[in-house]
Amino acid sequence: MPKVLIIEDTPDNMELINFILKKNGYDTAWAKTGQQGIDMALADRPDFIVLDIQLPDMDGTEVLKTIRQSDINSSIPIIAMTSYAMSGDRDKLIAAGCNGYIEKPIDPLTVMAEIQEVLEKANKEGN
């Protein structure tokens, strides 16, 4: 079963994305802070990461940067999940190293299709 690391500090958001991922056959782990997420990503090497950009201890872009500068680098797709919806934010996050971007609030009817699209694209680019 593919493993997903969800780095999200808001329990309601985590429960929703966790439920959707589990329903679709993924094993999930949850980090509540950026540092915990970095530690878990480096130790567990999940198949992909869903990363909130607004975290209590550090900005999600710092988490992204730290993971991308580690030995994991680009081997794990990272999908930003954020309520940042300003023009250009998606492009900034992709340029910073995210493979995809999901806007909050999460739409339970479309989020898996969005995730699958990002993962398929990342797999093609990785080959």
N, C-alpha and C. Protein backbone atom coordinates (compact mmCIF):
# COMPACT_ATOMS: atom_id res chain seq x y z
N MET A 1 0.85 -1.18 0.00
CA MET A 1 0.00 0.00 0.00
C MET A 1 0.90 1.24 0.00
N PRO A 2 0.70 2.16 -0.96
CA PRO A 2 1.52 3.38 -1.00
C PRO A 2 1.34 4.21 0.27
N LYS A 3 2.45 4.80 0.74
CA LYS A 3 2.42 5.58 1.97
C LYS A 3 2.51 7.07 1.67
N VAL A 4 1.65 7.83 2.35
CA VAL A 4 1.59 9.27 2.20
C VAL A 4 1.87 9.93 3.54
N LEU A 5 2.71 10.95 3.52
CA LEU A 5 2.93 11.77 4.70
C LEU A 5 2.13 13.05 4.53
N ILE A 6 1.24 13.32 5.48
CA ILE A 6 0.45 14.54 5.47
C ILE A 6 1.04 15.47 6.52
N ILE A 7 1.54 16.62 6.09
CA ILE A 7 2.09 17.61 7.02
C ILE A 7 1.05 18.73 7.09
N GLU A 8 0.28 18.71 8.17
CA GLU A 8 -0.88 19.59 8.31
C GLU A 8 -1.15 19.81 9.79
N ASP A 9 -1.31 21.07 10.19
CA ASP A 9 -1.52 21.37 11.61
C ASP A 9 -2.98 21.48 12.01
N THR A 10 -3.89 21.58 11.08
CA THR A 10 -5.30 21.73 11.40
C THR A 10 -5.98 20.36 11.39
N PRO A 11 -6.46 19.89 12.55
CA PRO A 11 -7.03 18.54 12.63
C PRO A 11 -8.17 18.29 11.64
N ASP A 12 -9.06 19.25 11.42
CA ASP A 12 -10.17 19.04 10.49
C ASP A 12 -9.67 18.80 9.06
N ASN A 13 -8.70 19.59 8.63
CA ASN A 13 -8.13 19.41 7.29
C ASN A 13 -7.42 18.07 7.18
N MET A 14 -6.68 17.72 8.24
CA MET A 14 -5.96 16.46 8.24
C MET A 14 -6.94 15.29 8.17
N GLU A 15 -7.99 15.35 8.97
CA GLU A 15 -8.96 14.25 8.98
C GLU A 15 -9.61 14.08 7.62
N LEU A 16 -9.93 15.17 6.94
CA LEU A 16 -10.56 15.08 5.64
C LEU A 16 -9.63 14.47 4.60
N ILE A 17 -8.41 14.99 4.48
CA ILE A 17 -7.48 14.46 3.48
C ILE A 17 -7.08 13.03 3.84
N ASN A 18 -6.93 12.74 5.12
CA ASN A 18 -6.60 11.39 5.57
C ASN A 18 -7.71 10.42 5.17
N PHE A 19 -8.95 10.78 5.42
CA PHE A 19 -10.10 9.94 5.07
C PHE A 19 -10.12 9.66 3.57
N ILE A 20 -9.94 10.70 2.77
CA ILE A 20 -9.99 10.55 1.31
C ILE A 20 -8.86 9.63 0.83
N LEU A 21 -7.65 9.85 1.34
CA LEU A 21 -6.52 9.03 0.92
C LEU A 21 -6.69 7.57 1.34
N LYS A 22 -7.11 7.34 2.58
CA LYS A 22 -7.32 5.97 3.05
C LYS A 22 -8.41 5.26 2.24
N LYS A 23 -9.47 5.99 1.93
CA LYS A 23 -10.57 5.43 1.13
C LYS A 23 -10.08 5.00 -0.26
N ASN A 24 -9.03 5.66 -0.72
CA ASN A 24 -8.48 5.36 -2.04
C ASN A 24 -7.25 4.46 -1.99
N GLY A 25 -7.04 3.78 -0.87
CA GLY A 25 -6.01 2.76 -0.79
C GLY A 25 -4.63 3.20 -0.35
N TYR A 26 -4.52 4.36 0.27
CA TYR A 26 -3.22 4.84 0.74
C TYR A 26 -3.09 4.64 2.25
N ASP A 27 -1.88 4.33 2.67
CA ASP A 27 -1.52 4.31 4.09
C ASP A 27 -1.01 5.71 4.41
N THR A 28 -1.48 6.29 5.51
CA THR A 28 -1.11 7.67 5.81
C THR A 28 -0.39 7.81 7.14
N ALA A 29 0.44 8.83 7.21
CA ALA A 29 1.08 9.24 8.46
C ALA A 29 0.88 10.75 8.56
N TRP A 30 0.82 11.25 9.79
CA TRP A 30 0.50 12.66 10.00
C TRP A 30 1.57 13.34 10.83
N ALA A 31 2.07 14.45 10.31
CA ALA A 31 2.98 15.33 11.05
C ALA A 31 2.24 16.63 11.29
N LYS A 32 2.28 17.12 12.54
CA LYS A 32 1.55 18.33 12.91
C LYS A 32 2.39 19.59 12.78
N THR A 33 3.70 19.44 12.64
CA THR A 33 4.59 20.60 12.51
C THR A 33 5.54 20.38 11.34
N GLY A 34 6.14 21.47 10.91
CA GLY A 34 7.09 21.37 9.82
C GLY A 34 8.30 20.52 10.18
N GLN A 35 8.86 20.72 11.36
CA GLN A 35 10.04 19.94 11.76
C GLN A 35 9.71 18.47 11.89
N GLN A 36 8.57 18.16 12.47
CA GLN A 36 8.14 16.75 12.56
C GLN A 36 7.99 16.17 11.15
N GLY A 37 7.45 16.94 10.23
CA GLY A 37 7.29 16.49 8.85
C GLY A 37 8.62 16.21 8.18
N ILE A 38 9.58 17.11 8.38
CA ILE A 38 10.92 16.90 7.82
C ILE A 38 11.51 15.60 8.37
N ASP A 39 11.46 15.45 9.69
CA ASP A 39 12.03 14.26 10.34
C ASP A 39 11.38 12.99 9.81
N MET A 40 10.05 13.00 9.70
CA MET A 40 9.33 11.81 9.23
C MET A 40 9.62 11.53 7.76
N ALA A 41 9.70 12.57 6.95
CA ALA A 41 10.00 12.39 5.52
C ALA A 41 11.38 11.76 5.33
N LEU A 42 12.36 12.24 6.07
CA LEU A 42 13.71 11.71 5.93
C LEU A 42 13.83 10.29 6.47
N ALA A 43 13.12 9.99 7.55
CA ALA A 43 13.20 8.66 8.16
C ALA A 43 12.36 7.63 7.42
N ASP A 44 11.14 8.01 7.03
CA ASP A 44 10.19 7.04 6.49
C ASP A 44 10.15 6.98 4.97
N ARG A 45 10.58 8.03 4.30
CA ARG A 45 10.58 8.10 2.84
C ARG A 45 9.25 7.66 2.23
N PRO A 46 8.21 8.45 2.46
CA PRO A 46 6.89 8.10 1.92
C PRO A 46 6.88 8.16 0.40
N ASP A 47 5.82 7.63 -0.20
CA ASP A 47 5.68 7.66 -1.65
C ASP A 47 5.39 9.07 -2.15
N PHE A 48 4.68 9.86 -1.36
CA PHE A 48 4.51 11.28 -1.64
C PHE A 48 4.09 12.01 -0.38
N ILE A 49 4.17 13.34 -0.44
CA ILE A 49 3.90 14.20 0.71
C ILE A 49 2.84 15.22 0.32
N VAL A 50 1.86 15.40 1.22
CA VAL A 50 0.90 16.49 1.11
C VAL A 50 1.32 17.51 2.16
N LEU A 51 1.68 18.71 1.73
CA LEU A 51 2.30 19.71 2.60
C LEU A 51 1.47 20.97 2.71
N ASP A 52 1.01 21.25 3.93
CA ASP A 52 0.37 22.54 4.21
C ASP A 52 1.46 23.60 4.19
N ILE A 53 1.14 24.78 3.69
CA ILE A 53 2.13 25.84 3.61
C ILE A 53 2.14 26.70 4.87
N GLN A 54 1.04 26.77 5.58
CA GLN A 54 0.99 27.55 6.83
C GLN A 54 1.05 26.59 8.01
N LEU A 55 2.23 26.49 8.61
CA LEU A 55 2.45 25.60 9.74
C LEU A 55 2.85 26.42 10.96
N PRO A 56 2.66 25.86 12.16
CA PRO A 56 2.90 26.66 13.37
C PRO A 56 4.36 26.98 13.65
N ASP A 57 5.28 26.09 13.27
CA ASP A 57 6.67 26.29 13.65
C ASP A 57 7.55 26.86 12.55
N MET A 58 7.16 26.66 11.31
CA MET A 58 7.93 27.19 10.18
C MET A 58 7.04 27.23 8.95
N ASP A 59 7.41 28.04 8.01
CA ASP A 59 6.67 28.15 6.77
C ASP A 59 6.84 26.85 5.98
N GLY A 60 5.78 26.43 5.31
CA GLY A 60 5.84 25.21 4.51
C GLY A 60 6.87 25.27 3.40
N THR A 61 7.16 26.47 2.90
CA THR A 61 8.20 26.57 1.87
C THR A 61 9.58 26.25 2.44
N GLU A 62 9.77 26.51 3.73
CA GLU A 62 11.03 26.13 4.38
C GLU A 62 11.11 24.61 4.53
N VAL A 63 9.98 23.98 4.85
CA VAL A 63 9.93 22.51 4.91
C VAL A 63 10.27 21.94 3.54
N LEU A 64 9.66 22.49 2.53
CA LEU A 64 9.91 22.06 1.15
C LEU A 64 11.38 22.19 0.79
N LYS A 65 11.95 23.34 1.08
CA LYS A 65 13.36 23.61 0.78
C LYS A 65 14.27 22.62 1.49
N THR A 66 13.99 22.36 2.77
CA THR A 66 14.82 21.44 3.55
C THR A 66 14.75 20.03 2.99
N ILE A 67 13.56 19.58 2.64
CA ILE A 67 13.43 18.24 2.06
C ILE A 67 14.12 18.17 0.70
N ARG A 68 13.94 19.19 -0.12
CA ARG A 68 14.56 19.20 -1.45
C ARG A 68 16.08 19.28 -1.38
N GLN A 69 16.63 19.82 -0.30
CA GLN A 69 18.09 19.90 -0.16
C GLN A 69 18.67 18.66 0.52
N SER A 70 17.81 17.73 0.93
CA SER A 70 18.27 16.51 1.58
C SER A 70 18.61 15.45 0.53
N ASP A 71 19.01 14.28 0.98
CA ASP A 71 19.31 13.21 0.04
C ASP A 71 18.06 12.67 -0.65
N ILE A 72 16.88 12.98 -0.12
CA ILE A 72 15.63 12.61 -0.80
C ILE A 72 15.49 13.43 -2.08
N ASN A 73 15.80 14.71 -2.00
CA ASN A 73 15.73 15.68 -3.07
C ASN A 73 14.43 15.55 -3.87
N SER A 74 14.51 15.16 -5.12
CA SER A 74 13.31 15.14 -5.96
C SER A 74 12.69 13.76 -6.09
N SER A 75 13.14 12.80 -5.30
CA SER A 75 12.63 11.44 -5.44
C SER A 75 11.21 11.27 -4.89
N ILE A 76 10.75 12.20 -4.07
CA ILE A 76 9.41 12.11 -3.48
C ILE A 76 8.58 13.29 -3.96
N PRO A 77 7.47 13.03 -4.66
CA PRO A 77 6.60 14.14 -5.05
C PRO A 77 6.02 14.84 -3.82
N ILE A 78 5.97 16.16 -3.88
CA ILE A 78 5.40 16.96 -2.80
C ILE A 78 4.28 17.82 -3.39
N ILE A 79 3.11 17.70 -2.78
CA ILE A 79 1.94 18.45 -3.23
C ILE A 79 1.59 19.47 -2.16
N ALA A 80 1.65 20.75 -2.51
CA ALA A 80 1.27 21.81 -1.58
C ALA A 80 -0.24 21.81 -1.44
N MET A 81 -0.69 22.00 -0.21
CA MET A 81 -2.12 22.10 0.07
C MET A 81 -2.29 23.38 0.89
N THR A 82 -2.89 24.37 0.28
CA THR A 82 -2.88 25.67 0.93
C THR A 82 -4.10 26.51 0.61
N SER A 83 -4.38 27.41 1.51
CA SER A 83 -5.46 28.38 1.27
C SER A 83 -4.92 29.62 0.59
N TYR A 84 -3.60 29.67 0.35
CA TYR A 84 -3.03 30.78 -0.43
C TYR A 84 -3.64 30.67 -1.82
N ALA A 85 -4.38 31.64 -2.22
CA ALA A 85 -5.01 31.58 -3.53
C ALA A 85 -4.72 32.85 -4.33
N MET A 86 -3.66 33.51 -4.00
CA MET A 86 -3.30 34.74 -4.71
C MET A 86 -2.70 34.39 -6.07
N SER A 87 -2.85 35.31 -6.99
CA SER A 87 -2.30 35.12 -8.31
C SER A 87 -0.79 34.91 -8.21
N GLY A 88 -0.30 33.88 -8.86
CA GLY A 88 1.13 33.61 -8.87
C GLY A 88 1.61 32.67 -7.79
N ASP A 89 0.78 32.39 -6.77
CA ASP A 89 1.22 31.50 -5.69
C ASP A 89 1.52 30.09 -6.18
N ARG A 90 0.66 29.58 -7.05
CA ARG A 90 0.88 28.23 -7.60
C ARG A 90 2.25 28.19 -8.29
N ASP A 91 2.52 29.17 -9.13
CA ASP A 91 3.79 29.19 -9.87
C ASP A 91 4.98 29.28 -8.92
N LYS A 92 4.86 30.09 -7.86
CA LYS A 92 5.94 30.22 -6.89
C LYS A 92 6.23 28.89 -6.19
N LEU A 93 5.17 28.18 -5.80
CA LEU A 93 5.35 26.90 -5.11
C LEU A 93 5.93 25.84 -6.04
N ILE A 94 5.49 25.82 -7.27
CA ILE A 94 6.04 24.87 -8.24
C ILE A 94 7.52 25.20 -8.49
N ALA A 95 7.83 26.46 -8.65
CA ALA A 95 9.23 26.88 -8.86
C ALA A 95 10.10 26.54 -7.65
N ALA A 96 9.52 26.57 -6.45
CA ALA A 96 10.25 26.25 -5.22
C ALA A 96 10.50 24.76 -5.05
N GLY A 97 9.79 23.92 -5.83
CA GLY A 97 10.05 22.48 -5.75
C GLY A 97 8.83 21.60 -5.54
N CYS A 98 7.65 22.18 -5.42
CA CYS A 98 6.44 21.36 -5.31
C CYS A 98 6.11 20.76 -6.67
N ASN A 99 5.54 19.58 -6.65
CA ASN A 99 5.11 18.93 -7.89
C ASN A 99 3.67 19.30 -8.25
N GLY A 100 2.93 19.81 -7.27
CA GLY A 100 1.54 20.18 -7.51
C GLY A 100 1.02 21.05 -6.41
N TYR A 101 -0.22 21.47 -6.57
CA TYR A 101 -0.81 22.49 -5.70
C TYR A 101 -2.31 22.21 -5.59
N ILE A 102 -2.80 22.07 -4.38
CA ILE A 102 -4.23 21.88 -4.13
C ILE A 102 -4.71 23.01 -3.25
N GLU A 103 -5.77 23.66 -3.67
CA GLU A 103 -6.31 24.78 -2.89
C GLU A 103 -7.27 24.28 -1.82
N LYS A 104 -7.21 24.94 -0.66
CA LYS A 104 -8.19 24.73 0.39
C LYS A 104 -9.29 25.76 0.20
N PRO A 105 -10.50 25.48 0.55
CA PRO A 105 -10.92 24.22 1.16
C PRO A 105 -10.86 23.07 0.15
N ILE A 106 -10.54 21.91 0.67
CA ILE A 106 -10.40 20.71 -0.15
C ILE A 106 -11.78 20.30 -0.66
N ASP A 107 -11.84 20.01 -1.94
CA ASP A 107 -13.08 19.50 -2.54
C ASP A 107 -12.98 17.98 -2.55
N PRO A 108 -13.73 17.29 -1.68
CA PRO A 108 -13.63 15.83 -1.59
C PRO A 108 -13.95 15.12 -2.90
N LEU A 109 -14.70 15.76 -3.77
CA LEU A 109 -15.09 15.13 -5.03
C LEU A 109 -14.01 15.21 -6.10
N THR A 110 -13.07 16.13 -5.95
CA THR A 110 -12.05 16.29 -7.00
C THR A 110 -10.62 16.11 -6.52
N VAL A 111 -10.39 16.08 -5.22
CA VAL A 111 -9.01 16.09 -4.71
C VAL A 111 -8.22 14.85 -5.14
N MET A 112 -8.82 13.68 -5.20
CA MET A 112 -8.07 12.49 -5.62
C MET A 112 -7.66 12.59 -7.08
N ALA A 113 -8.52 13.13 -7.91
CA ALA A 113 -8.16 13.31 -9.32
C ALA A 113 -6.99 14.28 -9.44
N GLU A 114 -7.00 15.33 -8.63
CA GLU A 114 -5.90 16.30 -8.64
C GLU A 114 -4.60 15.63 -8.20
N ILE A 115 -4.68 14.84 -7.13
CA ILE A 115 -3.49 14.15 -6.61
C ILE A 115 -2.96 13.17 -7.66
N GLN A 116 -3.85 12.37 -8.26
CA GLN A 116 -3.42 11.39 -9.26
C GLN A 116 -2.75 12.07 -10.46
N GLU A 117 -3.29 13.20 -10.87
CA GLU A 117 -2.71 13.94 -11.98
C GLU A 117 -1.28 14.39 -11.66
N VAL A 118 -1.08 14.89 -10.46
CA VAL A 118 0.25 15.34 -10.05
C VAL A 118 1.22 14.15 -9.99
N LEU A 119 0.77 13.04 -9.42
CA LEU A 119 1.63 11.86 -9.29
C LEU A 119 1.99 11.27 -10.65
N GLU A 120 1.04 11.22 -11.56
CA GLU A 120 1.32 10.71 -12.91
C GLU A 120 2.34 11.59 -13.61
N LYS A 121 2.19 12.90 -13.48
CA LYS A 121 3.14 13.82 -14.09
C LYS A 121 4.53 13.67 -13.47
N ALA A 122 4.58 13.55 -12.14
CA ALA A 122 5.87 13.38 -11.45
C ALA A 122 6.55 12.08 -11.86
N ASN A 123 5.77 11.01 -12.02
CA ASN A 123 6.33 9.72 -12.44
C ASN A 123 6.89 9.80 -13.85
N LYS A 124 6.21 10.50 -14.74
CA LYS A 124 6.69 10.64 -16.12
C LYS A 124 7.98 11.45 -16.15
N GLU A 125 8.04 12.50 -15.35
CA GLU A 125 9.23 13.34 -15.30
C GLU A 125 10.40 12.63 -14.66
N GLY A 126 10.11 11.70 -13.74
CA GLY A 126 11.15 10.96 -13.04
C GLY A 126 11.76 9.85 -13.88
N ASN A 127 11.08 9.44 -14.93
CA ASN A 127 11.58 8.34 -15.78
C ASN A 127 12.47 8.85 -16.87
